[in-house]
Amino acid sequence: MATIIGKLAREVGYVNVDQVHDGYSALDRLREKKYGLLLSDWDMRPMNGTELTSSAQRSDEFSHPIIMLRRAKLRRVQLGS
């Protein structure tokens, strides 16, 4: 999913797109570089998207929009009899 979103972000004009796998890595990256937008998964471990958002908003280094994404859980359904 992150690969697809990264590709879409590049297609709409975001040039520098970085991906990390958890909230702690995202905070470290926010301290290292300036970003214009943060896209975050809601359901990460060990730091979830809500915790990441709160930490980023308290930081002086990041003052841009944050968008939270929630993945839908898919399940198989058997149709017919």
PDB file of N, CA and C in Angstrom:
ATOM      1  N   MET A   1       0.814  -1.196   0.000  1.00  0.00           N
ATOM      2  CA  MET A   1       0.000   0.000   0.000  1.00  0.00           C
ATOM      3  C   MET A   1       0.859   1.262   0.000  1.00  0.00           C
ATOM      4  N   ALA A   2       1.923   1.275   0.799  1.00  0.00           N
ATOM      5  CA  ALA A   2       2.789   2.452   0.868  1.00  0.00           C
ATOM      6  C   ALA A   2       3.443   2.725  -0.478  1.00  0.00           C
ATOM      7  N   THR A   3       3.794   1.684  -1.206  1.00  0.00           N
ATOM      8  CA  THR A   3       4.407   1.855  -2.513  1.00  0.00           C
ATOM      9  C   THR A   3       3.441   2.524  -3.483  1.00  0.00           C
ATOM     10  N   ILE A   4       2.189   2.124  -3.450  1.00  0.00           N
ATOM     11  CA  ILE A   4       1.171   2.708  -4.325  1.00  0.00           C
ATOM     12  C   ILE A   4       0.965   4.177  -3.986  1.00  0.00           C
ATOM     13  N   ILE A   5       0.854   4.486  -2.707  1.00  0.00           N
ATOM     14  CA  ILE A   5       0.635   5.875  -2.284  1.00  0.00           C
ATOM     15  C   ILE A   5       1.849   6.731  -2.630  1.00  0.00           C
ATOM     16  N   GLY A   6       3.049   6.193  -2.447  1.00  0.00           N
ATOM     17  CA  GLY A   6       4.260   6.923  -2.822  1.00  0.00           C
ATOM     18  C   GLY A   6       4.289   7.238  -4.305  1.00  0.00           C
ATOM     19  N   LYS A   7       3.907   6.263  -5.122  1.00  0.00           N
ATOM     20  CA  LYS A   7       3.856   6.471  -6.572  1.00  0.00           C
ATOM     21  C   LYS A   7       2.824   7.542  -6.934  1.00  0.00           C
ATOM     22  N   LEU A   8       1.655   7.491  -6.310  1.00  0.00           N
ATOM     23  CA  LEU A   8       0.624   8.495  -6.572  1.00  0.00           C
ATOM     24  C   LEU A   8       1.086   9.892  -6.152  1.00  0.00           C
ATOM     25  N   ALA A   9       1.776   9.988  -5.029  1.00  0.00           N
ATOM     26  CA  ALA A   9       2.280  11.289  -4.569  1.00  0.00           C
ATOM     27  C   ALA A   9       3.262  11.867  -5.580  1.00  0.00           C
ATOM     28  N   ARG A  10       4.120  11.020  -6.138  1.00  0.00           N
ATOM     29  CA  ARG A  10       5.053  11.493  -7.165  1.00  0.00           C
ATOM     30  C   ARG A  10       4.314  11.949  -8.415  1.00  0.00           C
ATOM     31  N   GLU A  11       3.269  11.224  -8.794  1.00  0.00           N
ATOM     32  CA  GLU A  11       2.510  11.559  -9.999  1.00  0.00           C
ATOM     33  C   GLU A  11       1.802  12.913  -9.892  1.00  0.00           C
ATOM     34  N   VAL A  12       1.421  13.310  -8.670  1.00  0.00           N
ATOM     35  CA  VAL A  12       0.741  14.602  -8.509  1.00  0.00           C
ATOM     36  C   VAL A  12       1.709  15.733  -8.183  1.00  0.00           C
ATOM     37  N   GLY A  13       3.014  15.436  -8.200  1.00  0.00           N
ATOM     38  CA  GLY A  13       3.982  16.517  -8.088  1.00  0.00           C
ATOM     39  C   GLY A  13       4.888  16.531  -6.884  1.00  0.00           C
ATOM     40  N   TYR A  14       4.703  15.636  -5.927  1.00  0.00           N
ATOM     41  CA  TYR A  14       5.635  15.577  -4.794  1.00  0.00           C
ATOM     42  C   TYR A  14       6.904  14.889  -5.270  1.00  0.00           C
ATOM     43  N   VAL A  15       8.032  15.583  -5.176  1.00  0.00           N
ATOM     44  CA  VAL A  15       9.279  15.082  -5.726  1.00  0.00           C
ATOM     45  C   VAL A  15      10.017  14.188  -4.734  1.00  0.00           C
ATOM     46  N   ASN A  16      10.161  14.656  -3.520  1.00  0.00           N
ATOM     47  CA  ASN A  16      10.893  13.908  -2.493  1.00  0.00           C
ATOM     48  C   ASN A  16       9.907  13.133  -1.633  1.00  0.00           C
ATOM     49  N   VAL A  17       9.757  11.862  -1.931  1.00  0.00           N
ATOM     50  CA  VAL A  17       8.824  11.012  -1.203  1.00  0.00           C
ATOM     51  C   VAL A  17       9.640   9.960  -0.464  1.00  0.00           C
ATOM     52  N   ASP A  18       9.519   9.935   0.847  1.00  0.00           N
ATOM     53  CA  ASP A  18      10.214   8.945   1.675  1.00  0.00           C
ATOM     54  C   ASP A  18       9.189   8.058   2.353  1.00  0.00           C
ATOM     55  N   GLN A  19       9.562   6.805   2.589  1.00  0.00           N
ATOM     56  CA  GLN A  19       8.681   5.859   3.260  1.00  0.00           C
ATOM     57  C   GLN A  19       9.419   5.224   4.430  1.00  0.00           C
ATOM     58  N   VAL A  20       8.708   5.095   5.533  1.00  0.00           N
ATOM     59  CA  VAL A  20       9.222   4.380   6.699  1.00  0.00           C
ATOM     60  C   VAL A  20       8.153   3.393   7.143  1.00  0.00           C
ATOM     61  N   HIS A  21       8.505   2.509   8.066  1.00  0.00           N
ATOM     62  CA  HIS A  21       7.586   1.432   8.426  1.00  0.00           C
ATOM     63  C   HIS A  21       6.941   1.555   9.795  1.00  0.00           C
ATOM     64  N   ASP A  22       7.307   2.589  10.553  1.00  0.00           N
ATOM     65  CA  ASP A  22       6.664   2.767  11.855  1.00  0.00           C
ATOM     66  C   ASP A  22       6.741   4.231  12.277  1.00  0.00           C
ATOM     67  N   GLY A  23       5.981   4.555  13.299  1.00  0.00           N
ATOM     68  CA  GLY A  23       5.887   5.931  13.767  1.00  0.00           C
ATOM     69  C   GLY A  23       7.185   6.496  14.308  1.00  0.00           C
ATOM     70  N   TYR A  24       7.967   5.675  15.007  1.00  0.00           N
ATOM     71  CA  TYR A  24       9.239   6.157  15.556  1.00  0.00           C
ATOM     72  C   TYR A  24      10.204   6.534  14.433  1.00  0.00           C
ATOM     73  N   SER A  25      10.248   5.717  13.381  1.00  0.00           N
ATOM     74  CA  SER A  25      11.096   6.038  12.227  1.00  0.00           C
ATOM     75  C   SER A  25      10.609   7.306  11.543  1.00  0.00           C
ATOM     76  N   ALA A  26       9.299   7.494  11.480  1.00  0.00           N
ATOM     77  CA  ALA A  26       8.740   8.702  10.872  1.00  0.00           C
ATOM     78  C   ALA A  26       9.158   9.945  11.661  1.00  0.00           C
ATOM     79  N   LEU A  27       9.091   9.874  12.993  1.00  0.00           N
ATOM     80  CA  LEU A  27       9.516  11.024  13.812  1.00  0.00           C
ATOM     81  C   LEU A  27      10.988  11.337  13.606  1.00  0.00           C
ATOM     82  N   ASP A  28      11.810  10.294  13.551  1.00  0.00           N
ATOM     83  CA  ASP A  28      13.240  10.513  13.293  1.00  0.00           C
ATOM     84  C   ASP A  28      13.445  11.207  11.957  1.00  0.00           C
ATOM     85  N   ARG A  29      12.721  10.764  10.937  1.00  0.00           N
ATOM     86  CA  ARG A  29      12.853  11.350   9.609  1.00  0.00           C
ATOM     87  C   ARG A  29      12.372  12.794   9.608  1.00  0.00           C
ATOM     88  N   LEU A  30      11.306  13.090  10.354  1.00  0.00           N
ATOM     89  CA  LEU A  30      10.801  14.469  10.433  1.00  0.00           C
ATOM     90  C   LEU A  30      11.820  15.404  11.081  1.00  0.00           C
ATOM     91  N   ARG A  31      12.635  14.862  11.962  1.00  0.00           N
ATOM     92  CA  ARG A  31      13.665  15.677  12.607  1.00  0.00           C
ATOM     93  C   ARG A  31      14.845  15.918  11.672  1.00  0.00           C
ATOM     94  N   GLU A  32      15.056  15.002  10.721  1.00  0.00           N
ATOM     95  CA  GLU A  32      16.193  15.091   9.803  1.00  0.00           C
ATOM     96  C   GLU A  32      15.925  15.983   8.594  1.00  0.00           C
ATOM     97  N   LYS A  33      14.681  15.962   8.092  1.00  0.00           N
ATOM     98  CA  LYS A  33      14.341  16.656   6.852  1.00  0.00           C
ATOM     99  C   LYS A  33      13.067  17.462   7.021  1.00  0.00           C
ATOM    100  N   LYS A  34      12.884  18.430   6.136  1.00  0.00           N
ATOM    101  CA  LYS A  34      11.646  19.205   6.105  1.00  0.00           C
ATOM    102  C   LYS A  34      10.705  18.579   5.074  1.00  0.00           C
ATOM    103  N   TYR A  35       9.460  18.410   5.445  1.00  0.00           N
ATOM    104  CA  TYR A  35       8.456  17.821   4.565  1.00  0.00           C
ATOM    105  C   TYR A  35       7.264  18.763   4.442  1.00  0.00           C
ATOM    106  N   GLY A  36       6.618  18.732   3.306  1.00  0.00           N
ATOM    107  CA  GLY A  36       5.438  19.552   3.086  1.00  0.00           C
ATOM    108  C   GLY A  36       4.154  18.820   3.424  1.00  0.00           C
ATOM    109  N   LEU A  37       4.233  17.509   3.598  1.00  0.00           N
ATOM    110  CA  LEU A  37       3.043  16.704   3.838  1.00  0.00           C
ATOM    111  C   LEU A  37       3.449  15.405   4.510  1.00  0.00           C
ATOM    112  N   LEU A  38       2.643  14.953   5.453  1.00  0.00           N
ATOM    113  CA  LEU A  38       2.864  13.667   6.109  1.00  0.00           C
ATOM    114  C   LEU A  38       1.636  12.795   5.886  1.00  0.00           C
ATOM    115  N   LEU A  39       1.825  11.667   5.231  1.00  0.00           N
ATOM    116  CA  LEU A  39       0.769  10.669   5.078  1.00  0.00           C
ATOM    117  C   LEU A  39       1.098   9.538   6.034  1.00  0.00           C
ATOM    118  N   SER A  40       0.164   9.193   6.887  1.00  0.00           N
ATOM    119  CA  SER A  40       0.438   8.185   7.908  1.00  0.00           C
ATOM    120  C   SER A  40      -0.649   7.129   7.959  1.00  0.00           C
ATOM    121  N   ASP A  41      -0.231   5.901   8.115  1.00  0.00           N
ATOM    122  CA  ASP A  41      -1.161   4.805   8.362  1.00  0.00           C
ATOM    123  C   ASP A  41      -1.696   4.972   9.782  1.00  0.00           C
ATOM    124  N   TRP A  42      -2.924   4.698   9.972  1.00  0.00           N
ATOM    125  CA  TRP A  42      -3.563   4.790  11.286  1.00  0.00           C
ATOM    126  C   TRP A  42      -3.092   3.658  12.191  1.00  0.00           C
ATOM    127  N   ASP A  43      -2.965   2.478  11.624  1.00  0.00           N
ATOM    128  CA  ASP A  43      -2.755   1.258  12.403  1.00  0.00           C
ATOM    129  C   ASP A  43      -1.328   0.741  12.261  1.00  0.00           C
ATOM    130  N   MET A  44      -0.374   1.406  12.946  1.00  0.00           N
ATOM    131  CA  MET A  44       1.028   0.982  12.939  1.00  0.00           C
ATOM    132  C   MET A  44       1.391   0.485  14.333  1.00  0.00           C
ATOM    133  N   ARG A  45       2.445  -0.249  14.395  1.00  0.00           N
ATOM    134  CA  ARG A  45       3.007  -0.687  15.671  1.00  0.00           C
ATOM    135  C   ARG A  45       4.494  -0.404  15.659  1.00  0.00           C
ATOM    136  N   PRO A  46       5.129  -0.040  16.726  1.00  0.00           N
ATOM    137  CA  PRO A  46       4.593   0.144  18.070  1.00  0.00           C
ATOM    138  C   PRO A  46       3.944   1.509  18.290  1.00  0.00           C
ATOM    139  N   MET A  47       4.237   2.519  17.473  1.00  0.00           N
ATOM    140  CA  MET A  47       3.598   3.831  17.624  1.00  0.00           C
ATOM    141  C   MET A  47       2.544   3.965  16.526  1.00  0.00           C
ATOM    142  N   ASN A  48       1.288   4.157  16.917  1.00  0.00           N
ATOM    143  CA  ASN A  48       0.233   4.247  15.910  1.00  0.00           C
ATOM    144  C   ASN A  48       0.156   5.653  15.309  1.00  0.00           C
ATOM    145  N   GLY A  49      -0.698   5.803  14.311  1.00  0.00           N
ATOM    146  CA  GLY A  49      -0.815   7.072  13.603  1.00  0.00           C
ATOM    147  C   GLY A  49      -1.275   8.223  14.472  1.00  0.00           C
ATOM    148  N   THR A  50      -2.143   7.951  15.426  1.00  0.00           N
ATOM    149  CA  THR A  50      -2.610   9.001  16.329  1.00  0.00           C
ATOM    150  C   THR A  50      -1.466   9.522  17.190  1.00  0.00           C
ATOM    151  N   GLU A  51      -0.647   8.617  17.697  1.00  0.00           N
ATOM    152  CA  GLU A  51       0.506   9.013  18.515  1.00  0.00           C
ATOM    153  C   GLU A  51       1.527   9.780  17.672  1.00  0.00           C
ATOM    154  N   LEU A  52       1.739   9.318  16.441  1.00  0.00           N
ATOM    155  CA  LEU A  52       2.651  10.017  15.536  1.00  0.00           C
ATOM    156  C   LEU A  52       2.148  11.427  15.259  1.00  0.00           C
ATOM    157  N   THR A  53       0.869  11.550  14.979  1.00  0.00           N
ATOM    158  CA  THR A  53       0.283  12.857  14.702  1.00  0.00           C
ATOM    159  C   THR A  53       0.458  13.805  15.884  1.00  0.00           C
ATOM    160  N   SER A  54       0.165  13.323  17.085  1.00  0.00           N
ATOM    161  CA  SER A  54       0.316  14.154  18.282  1.00  0.00           C
ATOM    162  C   SER A  54       1.761  14.608  18.467  1.00  0.00           C
ATOM    163  N   SER A  55       2.694  13.680  18.293  1.00  0.00           N
ATOM    164  CA  SER A  55       4.110  14.021  18.450  1.00  0.00           C
ATOM    165  C   SER A  55       4.563  15.013  17.388  1.00  0.00           C
ATOM    166  N   ALA A  56       4.137  14.813  16.146  1.00  0.00           N
ATOM    167  CA  ALA A  56       4.525  15.710  15.060  1.00  0.00           C
ATOM    168  C   ALA A  56       3.954  17.110  15.277  1.00  0.00           C
ATOM    169  N   GLN A  57       2.712  17.195  15.743  1.00  0.00           N
ATOM    170  CA  GLN A  57       2.089  18.500  15.966  1.00  0.00           C
ATOM    171  C   GLN A  57       2.748  19.267  17.104  1.00  0.00           C
ATOM    172  N   ARG A  58       3.294  18.562  18.085  1.00  0.00           N
ATOM    173  CA  ARG A  58       3.994  19.220  19.198  1.00  0.00           C
ATOM    174  C   ARG A  58       5.384  19.688  18.790  1.00  0.00           C
ATOM    175  N   SER A  59       5.880  19.179  17.690  1.00  0.00           N
ATOM    176  CA  SER A  59       7.227  19.498  17.241  1.00  0.00           C
ATOM    177  C   SER A  59       7.262  20.831  16.513  1.00  0.00           C
ATOM    178  N   ASP A  60       8.304  21.605  16.751  1.00  0.00           N
ATOM    179  CA  ASP A  60       8.476  22.871  16.033  1.00  0.00           C
ATOM    180  C   ASP A  60       8.958  22.634  14.605  1.00  0.00           C
ATOM    181  N   GLU A  61       9.518  21.450  14.344  1.00  0.00           N
ATOM    182  CA  GLU A  61      10.077  21.168  13.029  1.00  0.00           C
ATOM    183  C   GLU A  61       9.015  20.858  11.980  1.00  0.00           C
ATOM    184  N   PHE A  62       7.816  20.513  12.408  1.00  0.00           N
ATOM    185  CA  PHE A  62       6.796  20.116  11.438  1.00  0.00           C
ATOM    186  C   PHE A  62       5.521  20.905  11.665  1.00  0.00           C
ATOM    187  N   SER A  63       5.104  21.654  10.644  1.00  0.00           N
ATOM    188  CA  SER A  63       3.895  22.464  10.789  1.00  0.00           C
ATOM    189  C   SER A  63       2.980  22.343   9.573  1.00  0.00           C
ATOM    190  N   HIS A  64       3.145  21.297   8.787  1.00  0.00           N
ATOM    191  CA  HIS A  64       2.366  21.110   7.564  1.00  0.00           C
ATOM    192  C   HIS A  64       1.234  20.111   7.780  1.00  0.00           C
ATOM    193  N   PRO A  65       0.356  20.001   6.802  1.00  0.00           N
ATOM    194  CA  PRO A  65      -0.800  19.094   6.955  1.00  0.00           C
ATOM    195  C   PRO A  65      -0.398  17.641   7.173  1.00  0.00           C
ATOM    196  N   ILE A  66      -1.200  16.971   7.974  1.00  0.00           N
ATOM    197  CA  ILE A  66      -1.030  15.541   8.225  1.00  0.00           C
ATOM    198  C   ILE A  66      -2.303  14.849   7.768  1.00  0.00           C
ATOM    199  N   ILE A  67      -2.148  13.812   6.989  1.00  0.00           N
ATOM    200  CA  ILE A  67      -3.296  13.045   6.528  1.00  0.00           C
ATOM    201  C   ILE A  67      -3.150  11.614   7.047  1.00  0.00           C
ATOM    202  N   MET A  68      -4.177  11.149   7.742  1.00  0.00           N
ATOM    203  CA  MET A  68      -4.175   9.794   8.280  1.00  0.00           C
ATOM    204  C   MET A  68      -4.923   8.866   7.336  1.00  0.00           C
ATOM    205  N   LEU A  69      -4.371   7.710   7.110  1.00  0.00           N
ATOM    206  CA  LEU A  69      -4.994   6.720   6.246  1.00  0.00           C
ATOM    207  C   LEU A  69      -5.310   5.472   7.046  1.00  0.00           C
ATOM    208  N   ARG A  70      -6.434   4.897   6.778  1.00  0.00           N
ATOM    209  CA  ARG A  70      -6.839   3.666   7.459  1.00  0.00           C
ATOM    210  C   ARG A  70      -7.057   2.596   6.409  1.00  0.00           C
ATOM    211  N   ARG A  71      -6.351   1.503   6.561  1.00  0.00           N
ATOM    212  CA  ARG A  71      -6.533   0.390   5.627  1.00  0.00           C
ATOM    213  C   ARG A  71      -7.773  -0.387   6.005  1.00  0.00           C
ATOM    214  N   ALA A  72      -8.533  -0.739   5.006  1.00  0.00           N
ATOM    215  CA  ALA A  72      -9.716  -1.569   5.252  1.00  0.00           C
ATOM    216  C   ALA A  72      -9.279  -3.020   5.342  1.00  0.00           C
ATOM    217  N   LYS A  73      -9.887  -3.744   6.237  1.00  0.00           N
ATOM    218  CA  LYS A  73      -9.625  -5.178   6.328  1.00  0.00           C
ATOM    219  C   LYS A  73     -10.568  -5.895   5.390  1.00  0.00           C
ATOM    220  N   LEU A  74      -9.985  -6.646   4.495  1.00  0.00           N
ATOM    221  CA  LEU A  74     -10.779  -7.371   3.521  1.00  0.00           C
ATOM    222  C   LEU A  74     -11.063  -8.769   4.051  1.00  0.00           C
ATOM    223  N   ARG A  75     -12.210  -9.273   3.727  1.00  0.00           N
ATOM    224  CA  ARG A  75     -12.530 -10.648   4.103  1.00  0.00           C
ATOM    225  C   ARG A  75     -13.249 -11.315   2.949  1.00  0.00           C
ATOM    226  N   ARG A  76     -13.046 -12.591   2.843  1.00  0.00           N
ATOM    227  CA  ARG A  76     -13.694 -13.342   1.774  1.00  0.00           C
ATOM    228  C   ARG A  76     -15.130 -13.652   2.147  1.00  0.00           C
ATOM    229  N   VAL A  77     -15.970 -13.483   1.161  1.00  0.00           N
ATOM    230  CA  VAL A  77     -17.374 -13.801   1.351  1.00  0.00           C
ATOM    231  C   VAL A  77     -17.774 -14.748   0.229  1.00  0.00           C
ATOM    232  N   GLN A  78     -18.366 -15.843   0.600  1.00  0.00           N
ATOM    233  CA  GLN A  78     -18.804 -16.790  -0.428  1.00  0.00           C
ATOM    234  C   GLN A  78     -20.223 -16.415  -0.851  1.00  0.00           C
ATOM    235  N   LEU A  79     -20.368 -16.183  -2.134  1.00  0.00           N
ATOM    236  CA  LEU A  79     -21.652 -15.794  -2.676  1.00  0.00           C
ATOM    237  C   LEU A  79     -22.378 -17.023  -3.228  1.00  0.00           C
ATOM    238  N   GLY A  80     -23.671 -16.995  -3.151  1.00  0.00           N
ATOM    239  CA  GLY A  80     -24.477 -18.110  -3.684  1.00  0.00           C
ATOM    240  C   GLY A  80     -24.583 -19.246  -2.681  1.00  0.00           C
ATOM    241  N   SER A  81     -25.126 -20.338  -3.155  1.00  0.00           N
ATOM    242  CA  SER A  81     -25.325 -21.470  -2.233  1.00  0.00           C
ATOM    243  C   SER A  81     -24.421 -22.624  -2.538  1.00  0.00           C
TER     244      SER A  81
END
